[in-house]
Amino acid sequence: MNNENLVTRSMKTSLIIGTIFFVFLSQRVSLQVLWGGALGITLSVINLFLLSRLSEKLHYKKGLFYVALKFPFFYGLLIFFLYQFHFSAYAFMIGFSIPLFVIILKTFGGFPVVKRATIIRSA
């Protein structure tokens, strides 16, 4: 299993799960909880995207560009949303951790299942 493929598929799956949660929970929970979870998933996927670009074999200047982009952009965006908008911090944490759970489950699903061999003795 290719690691790039795993990260890309995990980002897509996380966005799909987030969209499904957003649609189905929109009638049952407050907007603060909805936007907190959506923001958590979105920022986590952006973080995964930037980290996957950093892990590639890049030219030195291009790698520095992604590092320079990740820290101020990602953490600045996080601080901006935390202070400007009122949303549930718990929902944000749950949303931020959903891509991690998706990666863990996809990794476990990538292992081959080994069946125990049954020994049949013939007389």
Protein backbone atom coordinates (compact mmCIF):
# COMPACT_ATOMS: atom_id res chain seq x y z
CA MET A 1 0.00 0.00 0.00
CA ASN A 2 1.43 3.32 -1.04
CA ASN A 3 1.68 5.93 1.75
CA GLU A 4 0.75 8.77 -0.60
CA ASN A 5 -2.28 6.82 -1.68
CA LEU A 6 -3.19 6.18 1.97
CA VAL A 7 -3.00 9.86 2.89
CA THR A 8 -4.95 10.99 -0.18
CA ARG A 9 -7.67 8.40 0.36
CA SER A 10 -7.83 9.26 4.07
CA MET A 11 -8.29 12.95 3.32
CA LYS A 12 -11.12 12.20 0.86
CA THR A 13 -12.79 9.77 3.27
CA SER A 14 -12.53 12.26 6.14
CA LEU A 15 -14.19 14.97 4.07
CA ILE A 16 -16.97 12.57 3.07
CA ILE A 17 -17.53 11.52 6.69
CA GLY A 18 -17.52 15.17 7.76
CA THR A 19 -20.08 16.06 5.10
CA ILE A 20 -22.33 13.18 6.15
CA PHE A 21 -22.08 14.19 9.81
CA PHE A 22 -22.75 17.82 8.93
CA VAL A 23 -25.87 16.97 6.93
CA PHE A 24 -27.36 14.46 9.35
CA LEU A 25 -26.57 16.37 12.53
CA SER A 26 -27.68 19.77 11.23
CA GLN A 27 -31.20 19.29 12.58
CA ARG A 28 -30.17 17.85 15.93
CA VAL A 29 -27.31 19.96 17.31
CA SER A 30 -26.55 23.65 17.57
CA LEU A 31 -24.64 25.60 14.95
CA GLN A 32 -21.70 26.01 17.33
CA VAL A 33 -21.24 22.24 17.46
CA LEU A 34 -21.68 21.85 13.70
CA TRP A 35 -19.20 24.54 12.77
CA GLY A 36 -16.74 23.38 15.39
CA GLY A 37 -16.70 19.86 13.95
CA ALA A 38 -16.57 21.10 10.36
CA LEU A 39 -13.71 23.46 11.16
CA GLY A 40 -11.81 20.69 12.94
CA ILE A 41 -12.11 18.30 10.01
CA THR A 42 -11.20 20.99 7.48
CA LEU A 43 -8.11 22.15 9.35
CA SER A 44 -7.00 18.57 9.95
CA VAL A 45 -7.28 17.77 6.23
CA ILE A 46 -5.34 20.95 5.38
CA ASN A 47 -2.69 19.89 7.90
CA LEU A 48 -2.48 16.40 6.35
CA PHE A 49 -2.18 17.89 2.89
CA LEU A 50 0.67 20.19 3.90
CA LEU A 51 2.44 17.40 5.79
CA SER A 52 2.13 15.04 2.83
CA ARG A 53 3.72 17.70 0.61
CA LEU A 54 6.53 18.14 3.13
CA SER A 55 7.21 14.40 3.24
CA GLU A 56 7.77 14.18 -0.51
CA LYS A 57 11.25 14.36 -1.90
CA LEU A 58 11.24 18.03 -2.71
CA HIS A 59 13.83 20.48 -3.76
CA TYR A 60 15.23 22.42 -0.80
CA LYS A 61 13.57 25.72 -1.74
CA LYS A 62 10.22 24.08 -2.39
CA GLY A 63 10.40 22.31 0.98
CA LEU A 64 11.14 25.60 2.71
CA PHE A 65 8.18 27.13 0.91
CA TYR A 66 5.83 24.48 2.33
CA VAL A 67 7.27 24.89 5.84
CA ALA A 68 6.92 28.66 5.56
CA LEU A 69 3.36 28.17 4.34
CA LYS A 70 2.35 25.59 6.94
CA PHE A 71 3.30 27.28 10.18
CA PRO A 72 1.94 30.80 9.73
CA PHE A 73 -0.99 29.79 7.54
CA PHE A 74 -2.20 26.76 9.44
CA TYR A 75 -1.63 27.93 12.99
CA GLY A 76 -2.59 31.50 12.17
CA LEU A 77 -5.85 30.25 10.70
CA LEU A 78 -6.42 28.12 13.78
CA ILE A 79 -5.83 31.02 16.18
CA PHE A 80 -7.99 33.32 14.04
CA PHE A 81 -10.95 30.93 14.14
CA LEU A 82 -10.52 30.23 17.85
CA TYR A 83 -10.71 33.89 18.79
CA GLN A 84 -13.12 35.25 16.20
CA PHE A 85 -15.87 32.65 16.12
CA HIS A 86 -17.76 31.00 18.90
CA PHE A 87 -17.92 27.28 18.39
CA SER A 88 -17.68 24.19 20.53
CA ALA A 89 -14.07 23.33 21.37
CA TYR A 90 -15.08 19.72 22.03
CA ALA A 91 -16.64 19.41 18.59
CA PHE A 92 -13.50 20.96 17.12
CA MET A 93 -11.32 18.37 18.85
CA ILE A 94 -13.55 15.52 17.68
CA GLY A 95 -13.56 16.87 14.13
CA PHE A 96 -9.79 17.35 14.18
CA SER A 97 -9.28 13.73 15.29
CA ILE A 98 -11.59 12.13 12.69
CA PRO A 99 -8.87 11.98 9.98
CA LEU A 100 -6.56 10.30 12.50
CA PHE A 101 -9.16 7.61 13.15
CA VAL A 102 -9.72 7.21 9.41
CA ILE A 103 -5.99 6.67 8.85
CA ILE A 104 -5.84 4.13 11.70
CA LEU A 105 -8.82 2.20 10.36
CA LYS A 106 -7.50 2.27 6.78
CA THR A 107 -4.12 1.02 8.01
CA PHE A 108 -5.73 -1.85 9.91
CA GLY A 109 -7.83 -2.65 6.87
CA GLY A 110 -4.70 -2.88 4.72
CA PHE A 111 -3.27 -5.84 6.61
CA PRO A 112 -3.92 -9.19 4.99
CA VAL A 113 -6.16 -11.55 6.88
CA VAL A 114 -4.40 -14.82 7.60
CA LYS A 115 -6.57 -17.86 8.12
CA ARG A 116 -5.40 -20.62 10.35
CA ALA A 117 -4.48 -23.71 8.49
CA THR A 118 -6.51 -26.72 9.45
CA ILE A 119 -4.56 -29.90 9.63
CA ILE A 120 -6.46 -32.87 8.41
CA ARG A 121 -4.96 -36.14 9.40
CA SER A 122 -5.68 -39.02 7.19
CA ALA A 123 -5.55 -42.46 8.61
